[in-house]
């Protein structure tokens, strides 16, 4: 089972989603001003990930999907990445760089699977 880990930073709160084996599969799309807003970001990933379509932007003439959706794209270093966009089009989590597209797609599937019933680990006060 996955875990959302919320962390306090100098400027607010961030989160990451770890898979059952402890690997980070995505990080939050922003630094949140409050713990409550960070928790809302976590809930948004948990709600949107399982139903999100996948839009592969690395393919010429790709079909544009409606939000919520995972967008697979190439970064400046030529690696594959994904971002999850909520219904309103806001990016709510992003991935690390992957060397291959199948690895990136596995990352998407891991978020879909792990986000649903992931525990939420709060920062220590």
PDB file of N, CA and C in Angstrom:
ATOM      1  N   UNK A   1       0.846  -1.186   0.000  1.00  0.00           N
ATOM      2  CA  UNK A   1       0.000   0.000   0.000  1.00  0.00           C
ATOM      3  C   UNK A   1       0.888   1.244   0.000  1.00  0.00           C
ATOM      4  N   UNK A   2       0.456   2.271  -0.700  1.00  0.00           N
ATOM      5  CA  UNK A   2       1.223   3.496  -0.812  1.00  0.00           C
ATOM      6  C   UNK A   2       1.080   4.402   0.397  1.00  0.00           C
ATOM      7  N   UNK A   3       1.938   5.427   0.426  1.00  0.00           N
ATOM      8  CA  UNK A   3       1.894   6.425   1.492  1.00  0.00           C
ATOM      9  C   UNK A   3       2.107   7.806   0.907  1.00  0.00           C
ATOM     10  N   UNK A   4       1.240   8.728   1.264  1.00  0.00           N
ATOM     11  CA  UNK A   4       1.480  10.137   1.002  1.00  0.00           C
ATOM     12  C   UNK A   4       2.275  10.660   2.198  1.00  0.00           C
ATOM     13  N   UNK A   5       3.404  11.263   1.945  1.00  0.00           N
ATOM     14  CA  UNK A   5       4.221  11.812   3.020  1.00  0.00           C
ATOM     15  C   UNK A   5       4.234  13.328   2.875  1.00  0.00           C
ATOM     16  N   UNK A   6       3.673  13.992   3.881  1.00  0.00           N
ATOM     17  CA  UNK A   6       3.623  15.457   3.886  1.00  0.00           C
ATOM     18  C   UNK A   6       4.817  15.963   4.685  1.00  0.00           C
ATOM     19  N   UNK A   7       5.503  16.958   4.146  1.00  0.00           N
ATOM     20  CA  UNK A   7       6.711  17.485   4.762  1.00  0.00           C
ATOM     21  C   UNK A   7       6.610  18.995   4.903  1.00  0.00           C
ATOM     22  N   UNK A   8       7.047  19.494   6.039  1.00  0.00           N
ATOM     23  CA  UNK A   8       7.095  20.941   6.258  1.00  0.00           C
ATOM     24  C   UNK A   8       8.395  21.468   5.655  1.00  0.00           C
ATOM     25  N   UNK A   9       8.315  22.571   4.925  1.00  0.00           N
ATOM     26  CA  UNK A   9       9.497  23.226   4.367  1.00  0.00           C
ATOM     27  C   UNK A   9       9.593  24.627   4.963  1.00  0.00           C
ATOM     28  N   UNK A  10      10.599  25.375   4.550  1.00  0.00           N
ATOM     29  CA  UNK A  10      10.749  26.754   5.039  1.00  0.00           C
ATOM     30  C   UNK A  10       9.593  27.644   4.587  1.00  0.00           C
ATOM     31  N   UNK A  11       8.980  27.298   3.456  1.00  0.00           N
ATOM     32  CA  UNK A  11       7.954  28.176   2.879  1.00  0.00           C
ATOM     33  C   UNK A  11       6.550  27.582   2.890  1.00  0.00           C
ATOM     34  N   UNK A  12       6.371  26.393   3.474  1.00  0.00           N
ATOM     35  CA  UNK A  12       5.040  25.788   3.500  1.00  0.00           C
ATOM     36  C   UNK A  12       5.114  24.281   3.641  1.00  0.00           C
ATOM     37  N   UNK A  13       4.282  23.586   2.849  1.00  0.00           N
ATOM     38  CA  UNK A  13       4.191  22.131   2.929  1.00  0.00           C
ATOM     39  C   UNK A  13       4.232  21.518   1.525  1.00  0.00           C
ATOM     40  N   UNK A  14       4.870  20.364   1.414  1.00  0.00           N
ATOM     41  CA  UNK A  14       4.905  19.610   0.164  1.00  0.00           C
ATOM     42  C   UNK A  14       4.492  18.176   0.470  1.00  0.00           C
ATOM     43  N   UNK A  15       4.213  17.399  -0.589  1.00  0.00           N
ATOM     44  CA  UNK A  15       3.936  15.986  -0.378  1.00  0.00           C
ATOM     45  C   UNK A  15       4.554  15.164  -1.492  1.00  0.00           C
ATOM     46  N   UNK A  16       4.747  13.900  -1.183  1.00  0.00           N
ATOM     47  CA  UNK A  16       5.154  12.930  -2.191  1.00  0.00           C
ATOM     48  C   UNK A  16       4.359  11.660  -1.952  1.00  0.00           C
ATOM     49  N   UNK A  17       4.205  10.873  -3.008  1.00  0.00           N
ATOM     50  CA  UNK A  17       3.530   9.581  -2.912  1.00  0.00           C
ATOM     51  C   UNK A  17       4.586   8.501  -3.083  1.00  0.00           C
ATOM     52  N   UNK A  18       4.692   7.629  -2.088  1.00  0.00           N
ATOM     53  CA  UNK A  18       5.597   6.490  -2.174  1.00  0.00           C
ATOM     54  C   UNK A  18       4.784   5.234  -2.418  1.00  0.00           C
ATOM     55  N   UNK A  19       5.336   4.330  -3.230  1.00  0.00           N
ATOM     56  CA  UNK A  19       4.684   3.043  -3.463  1.00  0.00           C
ATOM     57  C   UNK A  19       4.921   2.139  -2.263  1.00  0.00           C
ATOM     58  N   UNK A  20       4.352   0.956  -2.293  1.00  0.00           N
ATOM     59  CA  UNK A  20       4.482   0.013  -1.185  1.00  0.00           C
ATOM     60  C   UNK A  20       5.925  -0.343  -0.859  1.00  0.00           C
ATOM     61  N   UNK A  21       6.810  -0.301  -1.859  1.00  0.00           N
ATOM     62  CA  UNK A  21       8.214  -0.643  -1.622  1.00  0.00           C
ATOM     63  C   UNK A  21       9.055   0.568  -1.209  1.00  0.00           C
ATOM     64  N   UNK A  22       8.396   1.712  -0.996  1.00  0.00           N
ATOM     65  CA  UNK A  22       9.097   2.887  -0.518  1.00  0.00           C
ATOM     66  C   UNK A  22       9.627   3.824  -1.589  1.00  0.00           C
ATOM     67  N   UNK A  23       9.498   3.439  -2.864  1.00  0.00           N
ATOM     68  CA  UNK A  23       9.954   4.295  -3.968  1.00  0.00           C
ATOM     69  C   UNK A  23       9.011   5.477  -4.143  1.00  0.00           C
ATOM     70  N   UNK A  24       9.567   6.659  -4.371  1.00  0.00           N
ATOM     71  CA  UNK A  24       8.740   7.835  -4.652  1.00  0.00           C
ATOM     72  C   UNK A  24       8.237   7.742  -6.087  1.00  0.00           C
ATOM     73  N   UNK A  25       6.908   7.795  -6.277  1.00  0.00           N
ATOM     74  CA  UNK A  25       6.345   7.706  -7.621  1.00  0.00           C
ATOM     75  C   UNK A  25       5.875   9.056  -8.154  1.00  0.00           C
ATOM     76  N   UNK A  26       5.589  10.003  -7.259  1.00  0.00           N
ATOM     77  CA  UNK A  26       5.292  11.366  -7.709  1.00  0.00           C
ATOM     78  C   UNK A  26       5.408  12.329  -6.542  1.00  0.00           C
ATOM     79  N   UNK A  27       5.583  13.598  -6.879  1.00  0.00           N
ATOM     80  CA  UNK A  27       5.649  14.650  -5.867  1.00  0.00           C
ATOM     81  C   UNK A  27       4.585  15.692  -6.189  1.00  0.00           C
ATOM     82  N   UNK A  28       4.164  16.405  -5.161  1.00  0.00           N
ATOM     83  CA  UNK A  28       3.138  17.424  -5.347  1.00  0.00           C
ATOM     84  C   UNK A  28       3.587  18.498  -6.325  1.00  0.00           C
ATOM     85  N   UNK A  29       2.615  19.111  -6.985  1.00  0.00           N
ATOM     86  CA  UNK A  29       2.907  20.091  -8.020  1.00  0.00           C
ATOM     87  C   UNK A  29       3.274  21.473  -7.514  1.00  0.00           C
ATOM     88  N   UNK A  30       3.235  21.693  -6.196  1.00  0.00           N
ATOM     89  CA  UNK A  30       3.524  23.020  -5.671  1.00  0.00           C
ATOM     90  C   UNK A  30       3.875  22.943  -4.187  1.00  0.00           C
ATOM     91  N   UNK A  31       4.326  24.087  -3.639  1.00  0.00           N
ATOM     92  CA  UNK A  31       4.495  24.226  -2.196  1.00  0.00           C
ATOM     93  C   UNK A  31       3.223  24.893  -1.693  1.00  0.00           C
ATOM     94  N   UNK A  32       2.567  24.238  -0.743  1.00  0.00           N
ATOM     95  CA  UNK A  32       1.299  24.743  -0.214  1.00  0.00           C
ATOM     96  C   UNK A  32       1.550  25.631   0.999  1.00  0.00           C
ATOM     97  N   UNK A  33       0.776  26.697   1.125  1.00  0.00           N
ATOM     98  CA  UNK A  33       0.953  27.655   2.218  1.00  0.00           C
ATOM     99  C   UNK A  33       0.564  27.071   3.564  1.00  0.00           C
ATOM    100  N   UNK A  34      -0.424  26.167   3.578  1.00  0.00           N
ATOM    101  CA  UNK A  34      -0.897  25.609   4.847  1.00  0.00           C
ATOM    102  C   UNK A  34      -0.982  24.084   4.769  1.00  0.00           C
ATOM    103  N   UNK A  35      -0.987  23.460   5.927  1.00  0.00           N
ATOM    104  CA  UNK A  35      -1.130  22.010   5.996  1.00  0.00           C
ATOM    105  C   UNK A  35      -2.474  21.592   5.412  1.00  0.00           C
ATOM    106  N   UNK A  36      -3.521  22.366   5.698  1.00  0.00           N
ATOM    107  CA  UNK A  36      -4.860  22.042   5.182  1.00  0.00           C
ATOM    108  C   UNK A  36      -4.879  22.041   3.653  1.00  0.00           C
ATOM    109  N   UNK A  37      -4.242  23.026   3.035  1.00  0.00           N
ATOM    110  CA  UNK A  37      -4.245  23.070   1.569  1.00  0.00           C
ATOM    111  C   UNK A  37      -3.393  21.938   0.989  1.00  0.00           C
ATOM    112  N   UNK A  38      -2.333  21.544   1.681  1.00  0.00           N
ATOM    113  CA  UNK A  38      -1.525  20.408   1.238  1.00  0.00           C
ATOM    114  C   UNK A  38      -2.344  19.118   1.310  1.00  0.00           C
ATOM    115  N   UNK A  39      -3.104  18.954   2.391  1.00  0.00           N
ATOM    116  CA  UNK A  39      -3.987  17.784   2.516  1.00  0.00           C
ATOM    117  C   UNK A  39      -5.004  17.760   1.382  1.00  0.00           C
ATOM    118  N   UNK A  40      -5.499  18.934   0.989  1.00  0.00           N
ATOM    119  CA  UNK A  40      -6.429  19.007  -0.150  1.00  0.00           C
ATOM    120  C   UNK A  40      -5.744  18.542  -1.427  1.00  0.00           C
ATOM    121  N   UNK A  41      -4.475  18.892  -1.615  1.00  0.00           N
ATOM    122  CA  UNK A  41      -3.712  18.424  -2.779  1.00  0.00           C
ATOM    123  C   UNK A  41      -3.595  16.909  -2.791  1.00  0.00           C
ATOM    124  N   UNK A  42      -3.312  16.331  -1.629  1.00  0.00           N
ATOM    125  CA  UNK A  42      -3.235  14.871  -1.486  1.00  0.00           C
ATOM    126  C   UNK A  42      -4.574  14.241  -1.871  1.00  0.00           C
ATOM    127  N   UNK A  43      -5.660  14.795  -1.332  1.00  0.00           N
ATOM    128  CA  UNK A  43      -6.994  14.258  -1.637  1.00  0.00           C
ATOM    129  C   UNK A  43      -7.306  14.362  -3.127  1.00  0.00           C
ATOM    130  N   UNK A  44      -6.857  15.430  -3.762  1.00  0.00           N
ATOM    131  CA  UNK A  44      -7.088  15.613  -5.187  1.00  0.00           C
ATOM    132  C   UNK A  44      -6.370  14.541  -6.006  1.00  0.00           C
ATOM    133  N   UNK A  45      -5.136  14.212  -5.626  1.00  0.00           N
ATOM    134  CA  UNK A  45      -4.408  13.135  -6.316  1.00  0.00           C
ATOM    135  C   UNK A  45      -5.127  11.809  -6.108  1.00  0.00           C
ATOM    136  N   UNK A  46      -5.532  11.523  -4.871  1.00  0.00           N
ATOM    137  CA  UNK A  46      -6.215  10.260  -4.565  1.00  0.00           C
ATOM    138  C   UNK A  46      -7.519  10.122  -5.347  1.00  0.00           C
ATOM    139  N   UNK A  47      -8.226  11.237  -5.535  1.00  0.00           N
ATOM    140  CA  UNK A  47      -9.513  11.223  -6.239  1.00  0.00           C
ATOM    141  C   UNK A  47      -9.341  11.159  -7.758  1.00  0.00           C
ATOM    142  N   UNK A  48      -8.382  11.922  -8.294  1.00  0.00           N
ATOM    143  CA  UNK A  48      -8.236  12.042  -9.743  1.00  0.00           C
ATOM    144  C   UNK A  48      -7.414  10.934 -10.398  1.00  0.00           C
ATOM    145  N   UNK A  49      -6.379  10.445  -9.712  1.00  0.00           N
ATOM    146  CA  UNK A  49      -5.475   9.462 -10.323  1.00  0.00           C
ATOM    147  C   UNK A  49      -6.178   8.209 -10.853  1.00  0.00           C
ATOM    148  N   UNK A  50      -7.081   7.590 -10.076  1.00  0.00           N
ATOM    149  CA  UNK A  50      -7.671   6.338 -10.559  1.00  0.00           C
ATOM    150  C   UNK A  50      -8.530   6.490 -11.813  1.00  0.00           C
ATOM    151  N   UNK A  51      -9.093   7.674 -12.039  1.00  0.00           N
ATOM    152  CA  UNK A  51     -10.010   7.863 -13.174  1.00  0.00           C
ATOM    153  C   UNK A  51      -9.374   8.640 -14.327  1.00  0.00           C
ATOM    154  N   UNK A  52      -8.122   9.068 -14.147  1.00  0.00           N
ATOM    155  CA  UNK A  52      -7.468   9.906 -15.151  1.00  0.00           C
ATOM    156  C   UNK A  52      -7.097   9.114 -16.401  1.00  0.00           C
ATOM    157  N   UNK A  53      -7.359   9.722 -17.543  1.00  0.00           N
ATOM    158  CA  UNK A  53      -6.925   9.152 -18.825  1.00  0.00           C
ATOM    159  C   UNK A  53      -5.424   9.409 -18.971  1.00  0.00           C
ATOM    160  N   UNK A  54      -4.800   8.760 -19.961  1.00  0.00           N
ATOM    161  CA  UNK A  54      -3.377   8.974 -20.233  1.00  0.00           C
ATOM    162  C   UNK A  54      -3.231   9.600 -21.605  1.00  0.00           C
ATOM    163  N   UNK A  55      -2.578  10.753 -21.649  1.00  0.00           N
ATOM    164  CA  UNK A  55      -2.316  11.472 -22.894  1.00  0.00           C
ATOM    165  C   UNK A  55      -0.815  11.386 -23.171  1.00  0.00           C
ATOM    166  N   UNK A  56      -0.448  10.652 -24.206  1.00  0.00           N
ATOM    167  CA  UNK A  56       0.968  10.459 -24.551  1.00  0.00           C
ATOM    168  C   UNK A  56       1.402  11.544 -25.530  1.00  0.00           C
ATOM    169  N   UNK A  57       2.025  12.591 -25.003  1.00  0.00           N
ATOM    170  CA  UNK A  57       2.438  13.724 -25.825  1.00  0.00           C
ATOM    171  C   UNK A  57       3.746  13.466 -26.577  1.00  0.00           C
ATOM    172  N   UNK A  58       4.307  12.266 -26.417  1.00  0.00           N
ATOM    173  CA  UNK A  58       5.534  11.940 -27.142  1.00  0.00           C
ATOM    174  C   UNK A  58       5.242  11.346 -28.515  1.00  0.00           C
ATOM    175  N   UNK A  59       3.979  11.121 -28.805  1.00  0.00           N
ATOM    176  CA  UNK A  59       3.562  10.551 -30.083  1.00  0.00           C
ATOM    177  C   UNK A  59       3.048  11.667 -30.980  1.00  0.00           C
ATOM    178  N   UNK A  60       3.494  11.692 -32.215  1.00  0.00           N
ATOM    179  CA  UNK A  60       3.041  12.725 -33.149  1.00  0.00           C
ATOM    180  C   UNK A  60       1.537  12.581 -33.380  1.00  0.00           C
ATOM    181  N   UNK A  61       0.814  13.699 -33.347  1.00  0.00           N
ATOM    182  CA  UNK A  61      -0.631  13.687 -33.577  1.00  0.00           C
ATOM    183  C   UNK A  61      -1.411  13.034 -32.449  1.00  0.00           C
ATOM    184  N   UNK A  62      -0.892  13.114 -31.211  1.00  0.00           N
ATOM    185  CA  UNK A  62      -1.549  12.466 -30.068  1.00  0.00           C
ATOM    186  C   UNK A  62      -2.965  13.019 -29.865  1.00  0.00           C
ATOM    187  N   UNK A  63      -3.825  12.168 -29.324  1.00  0.00           N
ATOM    188  CA  UNK A  63      -5.199  12.564 -29.021  1.00  0.00           C
ATOM    189  C   UNK A  63      -5.216  13.340 -27.711  1.00  0.00           C
ATOM    190  N   UNK A  64      -5.875  14.483 -27.717  1.00  0.00           N
ATOM    191  CA  UNK A  64      -6.001  15.287 -26.503  1.00  0.00           C
ATOM    192  C   UNK A  64      -7.109  14.707 -25.632  1.00  0.00           C
ATOM    193  N   UNK A  65      -6.775  14.411 -24.378  1.00  0.00           N
ATOM    194  CA  UNK A  65      -7.736  13.847 -23.431  1.00  0.00           C
ATOM    195  C   UNK A  65      -8.311  14.962 -22.565  1.00  0.00           C
ATOM    196  N   UNK A  66      -9.485  14.698 -21.991  1.00  0.00           N
ATOM    197  CA  UNK A  66     -10.088  15.640 -21.041  1.00  0.00           C
ATOM    198  C   UNK A  66      -9.440  15.454 -19.675  1.00  0.00           C
ATOM    199  N   UNK A  67      -9.430  16.527 -18.886  1.00  0.00           N
ATOM    200  CA  UNK A  67      -8.959  16.433 -17.504  1.00  0.00           C
ATOM    201  C   UNK A  67     -10.013  15.723 -16.658  1.00  0.00           C
ATOM    202  N   UNK A  68      -9.652  14.970 -15.644  1.00  0.00           N
ATOM    203  CA  UNK A  68      -8.294  14.741 -15.186  1.00  0.00           C
ATOM    204  C   UNK A  68      -7.543  13.814 -16.128  1.00  0.00           C
ATOM    205  N   UNK A  69      -6.223  14.025 -16.203  1.00  0.00           N
ATOM    206  CA  UNK A  69      -5.413  13.198 -17.097  1.00  0.00           C
ATOM    207  C   UNK A  69      -3.957  13.187 -16.664  1.00  0.00           C
ATOM    208  N   UNK A  70      -3.276  12.108 -17.035  1.00  0.00           N
ATOM    209  CA  UNK A  70      -1.831  12.028 -16.930  1.00  0.00           C
ATOM    210  C   UNK A  70      -1.279  12.444 -18.284  1.00  0.00           C
ATOM    211  N   UNK A  71      -0.333  13.349 -18.303  1.00  0.00           N
ATOM    212  CA  UNK A  71       0.358  13.729 -19.530  1.00  0.00           C
ATOM    213  C   UNK A  71       1.762  13.135 -19.494  1.00  0.00           C
ATOM    214  N   UNK A  72       2.075  12.302 -20.477  1.00  0.00           N
ATOM    215  CA  UNK A  72       3.427  11.767 -20.623  1.00  0.00           C
ATOM    216  C   UNK A  72       4.138  12.652 -21.638  1.00  0.00           C
ATOM    217  N   UNK A  73       5.331  13.129 -21.292  1.00  0.00           N
ATOM    218  CA  UNK A  73       6.067  14.042 -22.167  1.00  0.00           C
ATOM    219  C   UNK A  73       7.564  13.820 -22.026  1.00  0.00           C
ATOM    220  N   UNK A  74       8.338  14.411 -22.941  1.00  0.00           N
ATOM    221  CA  UNK A  74       9.796  14.387 -22.857  1.00  0.00           C
ATOM    222  C   UNK A  74      10.284  15.681 -22.232  1.00  0.00           C
ATOM    223  N   UNK A  75      11.206  15.564 -21.289  1.00  0.00           N
ATOM    224  CA  UNK A  75      11.785  16.769 -20.690  1.00  0.00           C
ATOM    225  C   UNK A  75      12.992  17.235 -21.516  1.00  0.00           C
ATOM    226  N   UNK A  76      13.631  18.310 -21.069  1.00  0.00           N
ATOM    227  CA  UNK A  76      14.756  18.885 -21.813  1.00  0.00           C
ATOM    228  C   UNK A  76      15.937  17.927 -21.929  1.00  0.00           C
ATOM    229  N   UNK A  77      16.067  17.009 -20.973  1.00  0.00           N
ATOM    230  CA  UNK A  77      17.167  16.042 -20.992  1.00  0.00           C
ATOM    231  C   UNK A  77      16.837  14.817 -21.857  1.00  0.00           C
ATOM    232  N   UNK A  78      15.623  14.810 -22.454  1.00  0.00           N
ATOM    233  CA  UNK A  78      15.223  13.687 -23.301  1.00  0.00           C
ATOM    234  C   UNK A  78      14.627  12.522 -22.536  1.00  0.00           C
ATOM    235  N   UNK A  79      14.391  12.708 -21.230  1.00  0.00           N
ATOM    236  CA  UNK A  79      13.776  11.647 -20.437  1.00  0.00           C
ATOM    237  C   UNK A  79      12.256  11.764 -20.491  1.00  0.00           C
ATOM    238  N   UNK A  80      11.592  10.661 -20.138  1.00  0.00           N
ATOM    239  CA  UNK A  80      10.132  10.631 -20.094  1.00  0.00           C
ATOM    240  C   UNK A  80       9.677  11.010 -18.695  1.00  0.00           C
ATOM    241  N   UNK A  81       8.639  11.833 -18.623  1.00  0.00           N
ATOM    242  CA  UNK A  81       8.045  12.241 -17.353  1.00  0.00           C
ATOM    243  C   UNK A  81       6.531  12.228 -17.504  1.00  0.00           C
ATOM    244  N   UNK A  82       5.847  12.250 -16.353  1.00  0.00           N
ATOM    245  CA  UNK A  82       4.397  12.440 -16.397  1.00  0.00           C
ATOM    246  C   UNK A  82       4.001  13.482 -15.375  1.00  0.00           C
ATOM    247  N   UNK A  83       2.860  14.107 -15.639  1.00  0.00           N
ATOM    248  CA  UNK A  83       2.234  15.009 -14.672  1.00  0.00           C
ATOM    249  C   UNK A  83       0.755  14.663 -14.646  1.00  0.00           C
ATOM    250  N   UNK A  84       0.169  14.763 -13.462  1.00  0.00           N
ATOM    251  CA  UNK A  84      -1.264  14.520 -13.295  1.00  0.00           C
ATOM    252  C   UNK A  84      -1.954  15.866 -13.191  1.00  0.00           C
ATOM    253  N   UNK A  85      -2.929  16.073 -14.048  1.00  0.00           N
ATOM    254  CA  UNK A  85      -3.707  17.312 -14.011  1.00  0.00           C
ATOM    255  C   UNK A  85      -5.103  17.016 -13.480  1.00  0.00           C
ATOM    256  N   UNK A  86      -5.577  17.903 -12.611  1.00  0.00           N
ATOM    257  CA  UNK A  86      -6.917  17.772 -12.025  1.00  0.00           C
ATOM    258  C   UNK A  86      -7.964  18.202 -13.050  1.00  0.00           C
ATOM    259  N   UNK A  87      -9.231  18.064 -12.669  1.00  0.00           N
ATOM    260  CA  UNK A  87     -10.329  18.452 -13.557  1.00  0.00           C
ATOM    261  C   UNK A  87     -10.212  19.889 -14.032  1.00  0.00           C
ATOM    262  N   UNK A  88      -9.689  20.781 -13.153  1.00  0.00           N
ATOM    263  CA  UNK A  88      -9.572  22.201 -13.502  1.00  0.00           C
ATOM    264  C   UNK A  88      -8.313  22.516 -14.310  1.00  0.00           C
ATOM    265  N   UNK A  89      -7.522  21.487 -14.640  1.00  0.00           N
ATOM    266  CA  UNK A  89      -6.325  21.680 -15.455  1.00  0.00           C
ATOM    267  C   UNK A  89      -5.065  21.983 -14.666  1.00  0.00           C
ATOM    268  N   UNK A  90      -5.183  22.091 -13.344  1.00  0.00           N
ATOM    269  CA  UNK A  90      -4.018  22.378 -12.509  1.00  0.00           C
ATOM    270  C   UNK A  90      -3.180  21.110 -12.328  1.00  0.00           C
ATOM    271  N   UNK A  91      -1.854  21.256 -12.431  1.00  0.00           N
ATOM    272  CA  UNK A  91      -0.952  20.128 -12.199  1.00  0.00           C
ATOM    273  C   UNK A  91      -0.919  19.833 -10.709  1.00  0.00           C
ATOM    274  N   UNK A  92      -1.238  18.581 -10.337  1.00  0.00           N
ATOM    275  CA  UNK A  92      -1.293  18.231  -8.916  1.00  0.00           C
ATOM    276  C   UNK A  92      -0.188  17.281  -8.489  1.00  0.00           C
ATOM    277  N   UNK A  93       0.481  16.622  -9.437  1.00  0.00           N
ATOM    278  CA  UNK A  93       1.690  15.872  -9.090  1.00  0.00           C
ATOM    279  C   UNK A  93       2.515  15.632 -10.344  1.00  0.00           C
ATOM    280  N   UNK A  94       3.815  15.448 -10.130  1.00  0.00           N
ATOM    281  CA  UNK A  94       4.755  15.238 -11.230  1.00  0.00           C
ATOM    282  C   UNK A  94       5.685  14.085 -10.889  1.00  0.00           C
ATOM    283  N   UNK A  95       6.287  13.518 -11.924  1.00  0.00           N
ATOM    284  CA  UNK A  95       7.179  12.374 -11.730  1.00  0.00           C
ATOM    285  C   UNK A  95       8.639  12.787 -11.841  1.00  0.00           C
ATOM    286  N   UNK A  96       9.484  11.827 -11.544  1.00  0.00           N
ATOM    287  CA  UNK A  96      10.907  11.952 -11.839  1.00  0.00           C
ATOM    288  C   UNK A  96      11.106  11.665 -13.323  1.00  0.00           C
ATOM    289  N   UNK A  97      12.325  11.781 -13.808  1.00  0.00           N
ATOM    290  CA  UNK A  97      12.626  11.426 -15.195  1.00  0.00           C
ATOM    291  C   UNK A  97      12.855   9.927 -15.334  1.00  0.00           C
ATOM    292  N   UNK A  98      12.338   9.353 -16.409  1.00  0.00           N
ATOM    293  CA  UNK A  98      12.530   7.929 -16.709  1.00  0.00           C
ATOM    294  C   UNK A  98      13.293   7.802 -18.017  1.00  0.00           C
ATOM    295  N   UNK A  99      14.159   6.802 -18.097  1.00  0.00           N
ATOM    296  CA  UNK A  99      14.942   6.573 -19.326  1.00  0.00           C
ATOM    297  C   UNK A  99      14.085   6.012 -20.458  1.00  0.00           C
ATOM    298  N   UNK A 100      13.042   5.229 -20.104  1.00  0.00           N
ATOM    299  CA  UNK A 100      12.207   4.598 -21.127  1.00  0.00           C
ATOM    300  C   UNK A 100      10.733   4.924 -20.910  1.00  0.00           C
ATOM    301  N   UNK A 101       9.981   4.913 -22.014  1.00  0.00           N
ATOM    302  CA  UNK A 101       8.547   5.172 -21.911  1.00  0.00           C
ATOM    303  C   UNK A 101       7.819   4.079 -21.128  1.00  0.00           C
ATOM    304  N   UNK A 102       8.156   2.775 -21.314  1.00  0.00           N
ATOM    305  CA  UNK A 102       7.475   1.757 -20.497  1.00  0.00           C
ATOM    306  C   UNK A 102       7.659   1.982 -18.993  1.00  0.00           C
ATOM    307  N   UNK A 103       8.839   2.436 -18.579  1.00  0.00           N
ATOM    308  CA  UNK A 103       9.070   2.732 -17.154  1.00  0.00           C
ATOM    309  C   UNK A 103       8.184   3.885 -16.702  1.00  0.00           C
ATOM    310  N   UNK A 104       8.043   4.893 -17.550  1.00  0.00           N
ATOM    311  CA  UNK A 104       7.192   6.040 -17.231  1.00  0.00           C
ATOM    312  C   UNK A 104       5.732   5.590 -17.111  1.00  0.00           C
ATOM    313  N   UNK A 105       5.285   4.747 -18.021  1.00  0.00           N
ATOM    314  CA  UNK A 105       3.912   4.234 -17.961  1.00  0.00           C
ATOM    315  C   UNK A 105       3.695   3.404 -16.702  1.00  0.00           C
ATOM    316  N   UNK A 106       4.724   2.648 -16.283  1.00  0.00           N
ATOM    317  CA  UNK A 106       4.626   1.896 -15.027  1.00  0.00           C
ATOM    318  C   UNK A 106       4.462   2.852 -13.851  1.00  0.00           C
ATOM    319  N   UNK A 107       5.132   4.001 -13.920  1.00  0.00           N
ATOM    320  CA  UNK A 107       4.989   5.022 -12.885  1.00  0.00           C
ATOM    321  C   UNK A 107       3.564   5.534 -12.798  1.00  0.00           C
ATOM    322  N   UNK A 108       2.949   5.782 -13.962  1.00  0.00           N
ATOM    323  CA  UNK A 108       1.552   6.224 -14.005  1.00  0.00           C
ATOM    324  C   UNK A 108       0.661   5.175 -13.338  1.00  0.00           C
ATOM    325  N   UNK A 109       0.855   3.913 -13.700  1.00  0.00           N
ATOM    326  CA  UNK A 109       0.042   2.837 -13.129  1.00  0.00           C
ATOM    327  C   UNK A 109       0.255   2.729 -11.621  1.00  0.00           C
ATOM    328  N   UNK A 110       1.469   2.969 -11.174  1.00  0.00           N
ATOM    329  CA  UNK A 110       1.764   2.925  -9.750  1.00  0.00           C
ATOM    330  C   UNK A 110       1.017   4.026  -8.998  1.00  0.00           C
ATOM    331  N   UNK A 111       0.952   5.227  -9.574  1.00  0.00           N
ATOM    332  CA  UNK A 111       0.192   6.311  -8.941  1.00  0.00           C
ATOM    333  C   UNK A 111      -1.284   5.948  -8.900  1.00  0.00           C
ATOM    334  N   UNK A 112      -1.815   5.444 -10.023  1.00  0.00           N
ATOM    335  CA  UNK A 112      -3.234   5.064 -10.065  1.00  0.00           C
ATOM    336  C   UNK A 112      -3.555   4.043  -8.976  1.00  0.00           C
ATOM    337  N   UNK A 113      -2.664   3.070  -8.789  1.00  0.00           N
ATOM    338  CA  UNK A 113      -2.891   1.993  -7.835  1.00  0.00           C
ATOM    339  C   UNK A 113      -2.663   2.453  -6.395  1.00  0.00           C
ATOM    340  N   UNK A 114      -1.579   3.177  -6.151  1.00  0.00           N
ATOM    341  CA  UNK A 114      -1.178   3.495  -4.781  1.00  0.00           C
ATOM    342  C   UNK A 114      -1.904   4.689  -4.171  1.00  0.00           C
ATOM    343  N   UNK A 115      -2.383   5.616  -4.989  1.00  0.00           N
ATOM    344  CA  UNK A 115      -2.984   6.839  -4.456  1.00  0.00           C
ATOM    345  C   UNK A 115      -4.336   6.594  -3.793  1.00  0.00           C
ATOM    346  N   UNK A 116      -5.073   5.599  -4.260  1.00  0.00           N
ATOM    347  CA  UNK A 116      -6.451   5.388  -3.833  1.00  0.00           C
ATOM    348  C   UNK A 116      -6.601   5.237  -2.320  1.00  0.00           C
ATOM    349  N   UNK A 117      -5.856   4.320  -1.735  1.00  0.00           N
ATOM    350  CA  UNK A 117      -6.037   4.031  -0.313  1.00  0.00           C
ATOM    351  C   UNK A 117      -4.738   4.252   0.473  1.00  0.00           C
ATOM    352  N   UNK A 118      -3.916   5.153  -0.021  1.00  0.00           N
ATOM    353  CA  UNK A 118      -2.628   5.419   0.635  1.00  0.00           C
ATOM    354  C   UNK A 118      -2.843   6.079   1.998  1.00  0.00           C
ATOM    355  N   UNK A 119      -2.016   5.675   2.952  1.00  0.00           N
ATOM    356  CA  UNK A 119      -2.004   6.351   4.245  1.00  0.00           C
ATOM    357  C   UNK A 119      -1.414   7.739   4.058  1.00  0.00           C
ATOM    358  N   UNK A 120      -1.763   8.656   4.938  1.00  0.00           N
ATOM    359  CA  UNK A 120      -1.192  10.009   4.913  1.00  0.00           C
ATOM    360  C   UNK A 120      -0.329  10.167   6.155  1.00  0.00           C
ATOM    361  N   UNK A 121       0.971  10.418   5.930  1.00  0.00           N
ATOM    362  CA  UNK A 121       1.904  10.621   7.027  1.00  0.00           C
ATOM    363  C   UNK A 121       2.119  12.123   7.183  1.00  0.00           C
ATOM    364  N   UNK A 122       1.755  12.636   8.356  1.00  0.00           N
ATOM    365  CA  UNK A 122       1.852  14.075   8.613  1.00  0.00           C
ATOM    366  C   UNK A 122       3.222  14.442   9.161  1.00  0.00           C
ATOM    367  N   UNK A 123       3.638  15.693   8.965  1.00  0.00           N
ATOM    368  CA  UNK A 123       4.940  16.106   9.501  1.00  0.00           C
ATOM    369  C   UNK A 123       4.914  16.139  11.021  1.00  0.00           C
ATOM    370  N   UNK A 124       6.057  15.875  11.611  1.00  0.00           N
ATOM    371  CA  UNK A 124       6.142  15.942  13.069  1.00  0.00           C
ATOM    372  C   UNK A 124       6.199  17.405  13.483  1.00  0.00           C
ATOM    373  N   UNK A 125       5.477  17.706  14.527  1.00  0.00           N
ATOM    374  CA  UNK A 125       5.431  19.102  14.995  1.00  0.00           C
ATOM    375  C   UNK A 125       6.636  19.429  15.835  1.00  0.00           C
TER     376      UNK A 125
END
